[in-house]
Amino acid sequence: MRFATLTTSIFFAMVGLVSARDDRLLFTIPAGESMDQFSTDFQSTCSTWYPAENGDSYTFLDALVEPGDFQGKNADTEAKLVCAWTDTSGDIILYTTDVAEALGATPLAD
């Protein structure tokens, strides 16, 4: 019985890892702006994004700013971003690019 429980636990852990979402997008922040200031602006703008707030009963989910690229470099000039809302059915709606570009950030390929 212990083996079956352990096997089941490992299986569900692996399935969870495979199905995890990574919606982060990489951007260069505007020249002359500190990461702290951009982070504050991004989080504030995302959480009050007009198209989302006036959509079909969308709910704010998360505004994420992670300094640096996917290798952890360029922490002063690049950031991984997510601006996420949910609709009434629980689907995630992303406004990352809209919000980042509205603040002057430039998208980068990952």
N, C-alpha and C. Protein backbone atom coordinates (compact mmCIF):
# COMPACT_ATOMS: atom_id res chain seq x y z
N MET A 1 0.82 -1.19 0.00
CA MET A 1 0.00 0.00 0.00
C MET A 1 0.86 1.26 0.00
N ARG A 2 1.95 1.25 0.76
CA ARG A 2 2.84 2.41 0.80
C ARG A 2 3.40 2.69 -0.58
N PHE A 3 3.78 1.64 -1.30
CA PHE A 3 4.35 1.81 -2.64
C PHE A 3 3.33 2.47 -3.56
N ALA A 4 2.09 2.03 -3.50
CA ALA A 4 1.04 2.61 -4.35
C ALA A 4 0.83 4.09 -4.02
N THR A 5 0.83 4.41 -2.75
CA THR A 5 0.66 5.81 -2.33
C THR A 5 1.83 6.65 -2.81
N LEU A 6 3.05 6.13 -2.65
CA LEU A 6 4.24 6.85 -3.10
C LEU A 6 4.21 7.04 -4.61
N THR A 7 3.88 6.00 -5.35
CA THR A 7 3.81 6.08 -6.81
C THR A 7 2.77 7.09 -7.24
N THR A 8 1.62 7.07 -6.61
CA THR A 8 0.55 8.02 -6.94
C THR A 8 1.00 9.45 -6.64
N SER A 9 1.65 9.65 -5.52
CA SER A 9 2.13 10.99 -5.15
C SER A 9 3.14 11.50 -6.16
N ILE A 10 4.07 10.65 -6.57
CA ILE A 10 5.07 11.04 -7.56
C ILE A 10 4.40 11.37 -8.88
N PHE A 11 3.43 10.56 -9.30
CA PHE A 11 2.72 10.80 -10.55
C PHE A 11 2.04 12.17 -10.54
N PHE A 12 1.29 12.47 -9.47
CA PHE A 12 0.59 13.75 -9.41
C PHE A 12 1.57 14.92 -9.32
N ALA A 13 2.69 14.73 -8.67
CA ALA A 13 3.71 15.78 -8.62
C ALA A 13 4.26 16.05 -10.01
N MET A 14 4.50 15.00 -10.79
CA MET A 14 5.01 15.16 -12.15
C MET A 14 3.98 15.81 -13.05
N VAL A 15 2.73 15.42 -12.93
CA VAL A 15 1.67 16.02 -13.73
C VAL A 15 1.55 17.50 -13.41
N GLY A 16 1.64 17.83 -12.14
CA GLY A 16 1.59 19.24 -11.73
C GLY A 16 2.71 20.05 -12.34
N LEU A 17 3.90 19.48 -12.39
CA LEU A 17 5.03 20.19 -12.98
C LEU A 17 4.84 20.39 -14.48
N VAL A 18 4.33 19.41 -15.15
CA VAL A 18 4.14 19.49 -16.59
C VAL A 18 3.07 20.50 -16.96
N SER A 19 2.03 20.60 -16.16
CA SER A 19 0.92 21.46 -16.51
C SER A 19 1.06 22.89 -15.99
N ALA A 20 2.16 23.20 -15.33
CA ALA A 20 2.37 24.55 -14.80
C ALA A 20 2.47 25.56 -15.94
N ARG A 21 1.90 26.74 -15.72
CA ARG A 21 1.93 27.81 -16.71
C ARG A 21 3.09 28.74 -16.41
N ASP A 22 3.69 29.25 -17.45
CA ASP A 22 4.68 30.31 -17.31
C ASP A 22 4.32 31.38 -18.32
N ASP A 23 3.61 32.39 -17.86
CA ASP A 23 3.14 33.45 -18.74
C ASP A 23 4.06 34.66 -18.74
N ARG A 24 5.23 34.54 -18.11
CA ARG A 24 6.14 35.67 -18.04
C ARG A 24 6.66 36.04 -19.43
N LEU A 25 6.72 37.35 -19.69
CA LEU A 25 7.28 37.87 -20.93
C LEU A 25 8.42 38.80 -20.58
N LEU A 26 9.46 38.80 -21.42
CA LEU A 26 10.65 39.59 -21.15
C LEU A 26 10.57 40.95 -21.84
N PHE A 27 10.86 42.01 -21.08
CA PHE A 27 10.82 43.38 -21.60
C PHE A 27 12.05 44.15 -21.13
N THR A 28 12.44 45.14 -21.94
CA THR A 28 13.41 46.14 -21.52
C THR A 28 12.62 47.30 -20.94
N ILE A 29 12.98 47.74 -19.75
CA ILE A 29 12.25 48.86 -19.14
C ILE A 29 12.70 50.16 -19.81
N PRO A 30 11.90 51.21 -19.72
CA PRO A 30 12.26 52.48 -20.37
C PRO A 30 13.60 53.04 -19.84
N ALA A 31 14.38 53.59 -20.76
CA ALA A 31 15.67 54.19 -20.39
C ALA A 31 15.45 55.30 -19.36
N GLY A 32 16.33 55.35 -18.38
CA GLY A 32 16.26 56.39 -17.36
C GLY A 32 15.30 56.09 -16.22
N GLU A 33 14.63 54.95 -16.28
CA GLU A 33 13.69 54.59 -15.20
C GLU A 33 14.31 53.48 -14.36
N SER A 34 14.22 53.60 -13.05
CA SER A 34 14.75 52.56 -12.17
C SER A 34 13.80 51.36 -12.18
N MET A 35 14.34 50.21 -11.82
CA MET A 35 13.52 49.00 -11.75
C MET A 35 12.44 49.16 -10.69
N ASP A 36 12.78 49.80 -9.57
CA ASP A 36 11.79 50.01 -8.51
C ASP A 36 10.62 50.86 -8.99
N GLN A 37 10.94 51.94 -9.71
CA GLN A 37 9.88 52.82 -10.20
C GLN A 37 9.03 52.11 -11.25
N PHE A 38 9.69 51.39 -12.18
CA PHE A 38 8.94 50.66 -13.20
C PHE A 38 8.05 49.61 -12.56
N SER A 39 8.58 48.90 -11.57
CA SER A 39 7.80 47.86 -10.89
C SER A 39 6.55 48.45 -10.24
N THR A 40 6.71 49.57 -9.56
CA THR A 40 5.57 50.24 -8.93
C THR A 40 4.55 50.67 -9.98
N ASP A 41 5.03 51.27 -11.07
CA ASP A 41 4.14 51.73 -12.14
C ASP A 41 3.41 50.56 -12.80
N PHE A 42 4.15 49.46 -13.07
CA PHE A 42 3.55 48.31 -13.74
C PHE A 42 2.47 47.68 -12.86
N GLN A 43 2.77 47.48 -11.59
CA GLN A 43 1.80 46.86 -10.69
C GLN A 43 0.56 47.73 -10.52
N SER A 44 0.76 49.02 -10.40
CA SER A 44 -0.37 49.94 -10.25
C SER A 44 -1.22 49.99 -11.51
N THR A 45 -0.56 50.10 -12.66
CA THR A 45 -1.29 50.18 -13.93
C THR A 45 -2.01 48.88 -14.24
N CYS A 46 -1.35 47.75 -14.02
CA CYS A 46 -1.98 46.46 -14.29
C CYS A 46 -3.22 46.27 -13.43
N SER A 47 -3.12 46.58 -12.16
CA SER A 47 -4.23 46.32 -11.24
C SER A 47 -5.43 47.23 -11.47
N THR A 48 -5.24 48.28 -12.25
CA THR A 48 -6.34 49.20 -12.56
C THR A 48 -6.52 49.36 -14.06
N TRP A 49 -6.09 48.37 -14.83
CA TRP A 49 -6.12 48.46 -16.30
C TRP A 49 -7.56 48.65 -16.79
N TYR A 50 -7.83 49.76 -17.42
CA TYR A 50 -9.19 50.15 -17.80
C TYR A 50 -9.92 49.08 -18.63
N PRO A 51 -9.32 48.52 -19.70
CA PRO A 51 -10.06 47.50 -20.47
C PRO A 51 -10.46 46.30 -19.63
N ALA A 52 -9.64 45.93 -18.67
CA ALA A 52 -9.97 44.78 -17.83
C ALA A 52 -11.05 45.14 -16.82
N GLU A 53 -10.91 46.30 -16.21
CA GLU A 53 -11.90 46.71 -15.20
C GLU A 53 -13.28 46.92 -15.81
N ASN A 54 -13.34 47.27 -17.07
CA ASN A 54 -14.61 47.53 -17.73
C ASN A 54 -15.01 46.40 -18.67
N GLY A 55 -14.39 45.24 -18.48
CA GLY A 55 -14.72 44.07 -19.28
C GLY A 55 -15.91 43.34 -18.69
N ASP A 56 -16.03 42.11 -19.05
CA ASP A 56 -17.15 41.29 -18.61
C ASP A 56 -16.88 40.68 -17.24
N SER A 57 -16.95 41.50 -16.21
CA SER A 57 -16.76 41.04 -14.83
C SER A 57 -15.40 40.38 -14.61
N TYR A 58 -14.34 40.99 -15.10
CA TYR A 58 -13.00 40.47 -14.88
C TYR A 58 -12.55 40.79 -13.46
N THR A 59 -11.70 39.93 -12.93
CA THR A 59 -11.15 40.10 -11.59
C THR A 59 -9.63 40.12 -11.68
N PHE A 60 -9.02 41.10 -11.05
CA PHE A 60 -7.56 41.19 -11.05
C PHE A 60 -6.97 39.97 -10.37
N LEU A 61 -5.93 39.38 -10.99
CA LEU A 61 -5.29 38.18 -10.46
C LEU A 61 -3.88 38.47 -9.96
N ASP A 62 -3.02 39.05 -10.82
CA ASP A 62 -1.63 39.23 -10.43
C ASP A 62 -0.92 40.23 -11.34
N ALA A 63 0.00 40.97 -10.75
CA ALA A 63 0.93 41.82 -11.49
C ALA A 63 2.32 41.45 -11.00
N LEU A 64 3.09 40.82 -11.86
CA LEU A 64 4.40 40.30 -11.47
C LEU A 64 5.50 41.04 -12.22
N VAL A 65 6.52 41.47 -11.48
CA VAL A 65 7.72 42.05 -12.07
C VAL A 65 8.91 41.33 -11.45
N GLU A 66 9.65 40.58 -12.28
CA GLU A 66 10.86 39.89 -11.83
C GLU A 66 12.05 40.52 -12.55
N PRO A 67 12.90 41.28 -11.86
CA PRO A 67 14.05 41.90 -12.52
C PRO A 67 14.97 40.86 -13.14
N GLY A 68 15.53 41.20 -14.31
CA GLY A 68 16.48 40.33 -14.99
C GLY A 68 15.83 39.48 -16.06
N ASP A 69 16.70 38.93 -16.92
CA ASP A 69 16.21 38.05 -17.98
C ASP A 69 16.04 36.63 -17.44
N PHE A 70 15.83 35.67 -18.33
CA PHE A 70 15.59 34.29 -17.89
C PHE A 70 16.85 33.60 -17.38
N GLN A 71 18.01 34.23 -17.58
CA GLN A 71 19.26 33.70 -17.03
C GLN A 71 19.68 34.49 -15.79
N GLY A 72 18.87 35.46 -15.38
CA GLY A 72 19.17 36.26 -14.20
C GLY A 72 20.08 37.44 -14.46
N LYS A 73 20.33 37.76 -15.73
CA LYS A 73 21.20 38.88 -16.09
C LYS A 73 20.37 40.13 -16.36
N ASN A 74 21.05 41.28 -16.43
CA ASN A 74 20.44 42.57 -16.79
C ASN A 74 19.32 42.99 -15.84
N ALA A 75 19.53 42.79 -14.57
CA ALA A 75 18.47 43.06 -13.57
C ALA A 75 18.12 44.54 -13.45
N ASP A 76 18.96 45.43 -13.98
CA ASP A 76 18.65 46.86 -13.91
C ASP A 76 17.89 47.36 -15.13
N THR A 77 17.92 46.57 -16.23
CA THR A 77 17.33 47.06 -17.49
C THR A 77 16.26 46.16 -18.09
N GLU A 78 16.17 44.92 -17.64
CA GLU A 78 15.19 43.98 -18.19
C GLU A 78 14.38 43.35 -17.06
N ALA A 79 13.15 42.97 -17.40
CA ALA A 79 12.30 42.32 -16.40
C ALA A 79 11.35 41.34 -17.07
N LYS A 80 11.04 40.28 -16.33
CA LYS A 80 10.01 39.34 -16.74
C LYS A 80 8.71 39.82 -16.12
N LEU A 81 7.68 39.96 -16.94
CA LEU A 81 6.43 40.58 -16.50
C LEU A 81 5.22 39.69 -16.75
N VAL A 82 4.22 39.85 -15.89
CA VAL A 82 2.90 39.24 -16.09
C VAL A 82 1.86 40.21 -15.54
N CYS A 83 0.82 40.44 -16.33
CA CYS A 83 -0.36 41.17 -15.87
C CYS A 83 -1.55 40.27 -16.18
N ALA A 84 -2.15 39.71 -15.15
CA ALA A 84 -3.19 38.70 -15.35
C ALA A 84 -4.49 39.05 -14.64
N TRP A 85 -5.57 38.81 -15.33
CA TRP A 85 -6.93 38.96 -14.81
C TRP A 85 -7.65 37.65 -15.10
N THR A 86 -8.78 37.40 -14.44
CA THR A 86 -9.59 36.23 -14.74
C THR A 86 -11.00 36.68 -15.10
N ASP A 87 -11.64 35.86 -15.94
CA ASP A 87 -13.05 36.14 -16.26
C ASP A 87 -13.93 35.30 -15.34
N THR A 88 -15.23 35.38 -15.53
CA THR A 88 -16.17 34.69 -14.63
C THR A 88 -16.05 33.17 -14.69
N SER A 89 -15.50 32.63 -15.78
CA SER A 89 -15.35 31.18 -15.87
C SER A 89 -13.99 30.71 -15.34
N GLY A 90 -13.16 31.66 -14.89
CA GLY A 90 -11.86 31.30 -14.35
C GLY A 90 -10.74 31.30 -15.37
N ASP A 91 -11.05 31.61 -16.63
CA ASP A 91 -10.00 31.68 -17.64
C ASP A 91 -9.11 32.89 -17.36
N ILE A 92 -7.82 32.74 -17.63
CA ILE A 92 -6.87 33.82 -17.40
C ILE A 92 -6.76 34.68 -18.65
N ILE A 93 -6.87 35.99 -18.46
CA ILE A 93 -6.73 36.96 -19.53
C ILE A 93 -5.47 37.77 -19.23
N LEU A 94 -4.54 37.80 -20.19
CA LEU A 94 -3.27 38.48 -19.98
C LEU A 94 -3.27 39.85 -20.67
N TYR A 95 -2.85 40.85 -19.93
CA TYR A 95 -2.69 42.21 -20.45
C TYR A 95 -1.24 42.66 -20.33
N THR A 96 -0.33 41.71 -20.24
CA THR A 96 1.08 42.01 -20.01
C THR A 96 1.65 42.97 -21.05
N THR A 97 1.52 42.61 -22.32
CA THR A 97 2.09 43.44 -23.38
C THR A 97 1.43 44.80 -23.44
N ASP A 98 0.11 44.84 -23.31
CA ASP A 98 -0.61 46.12 -23.35
C ASP A 98 -0.11 47.07 -22.27
N VAL A 99 -0.01 46.57 -21.05
CA VAL A 99 0.39 47.42 -19.92
C VAL A 99 1.86 47.81 -20.05
N ALA A 100 2.73 46.85 -20.36
CA ALA A 100 4.16 47.13 -20.47
C ALA A 100 4.44 48.18 -21.54
N GLU A 101 3.82 48.01 -22.71
CA GLU A 101 4.04 48.97 -23.80
C GLU A 101 3.44 50.33 -23.47
N ALA A 102 2.33 50.37 -22.76
CA ALA A 102 1.74 51.64 -22.34
C ALA A 102 2.69 52.41 -21.42
N LEU A 103 3.54 51.68 -20.71
CA LEU A 103 4.51 52.31 -19.81
C LEU A 103 5.86 52.55 -20.48
N GLY A 104 5.97 52.24 -21.77
CA GLY A 104 7.20 52.50 -22.51
C GLY A 104 8.20 51.37 -22.54
N ALA A 105 7.84 50.19 -22.06
CA ALA A 105 8.74 49.03 -22.10
C ALA A 105 8.73 48.42 -23.49
N THR A 106 9.85 47.78 -23.85
CA THR A 106 10.02 47.17 -25.16
C THR A 106 10.11 45.66 -25.02
N PRO A 107 9.29 44.90 -25.77
CA PRO A 107 9.35 43.44 -25.66
C PRO A 107 10.65 42.88 -26.24
N LEU A 108 11.15 41.82 -25.63
CA LEU A 108 12.34 41.11 -26.09
C LEU A 108 11.98 39.66 -26.35
N ALA A 109 12.67 39.04 -27.29
CA ALA A 109 12.47 37.60 -27.51
C ALA A 109 13.13 36.86 -26.36
N ASP A 110 12.53 35.71 -25.94
CA ASP A 110 13.12 34.97 -24.83
C ASP A 110 14.13 33.99 -25.27
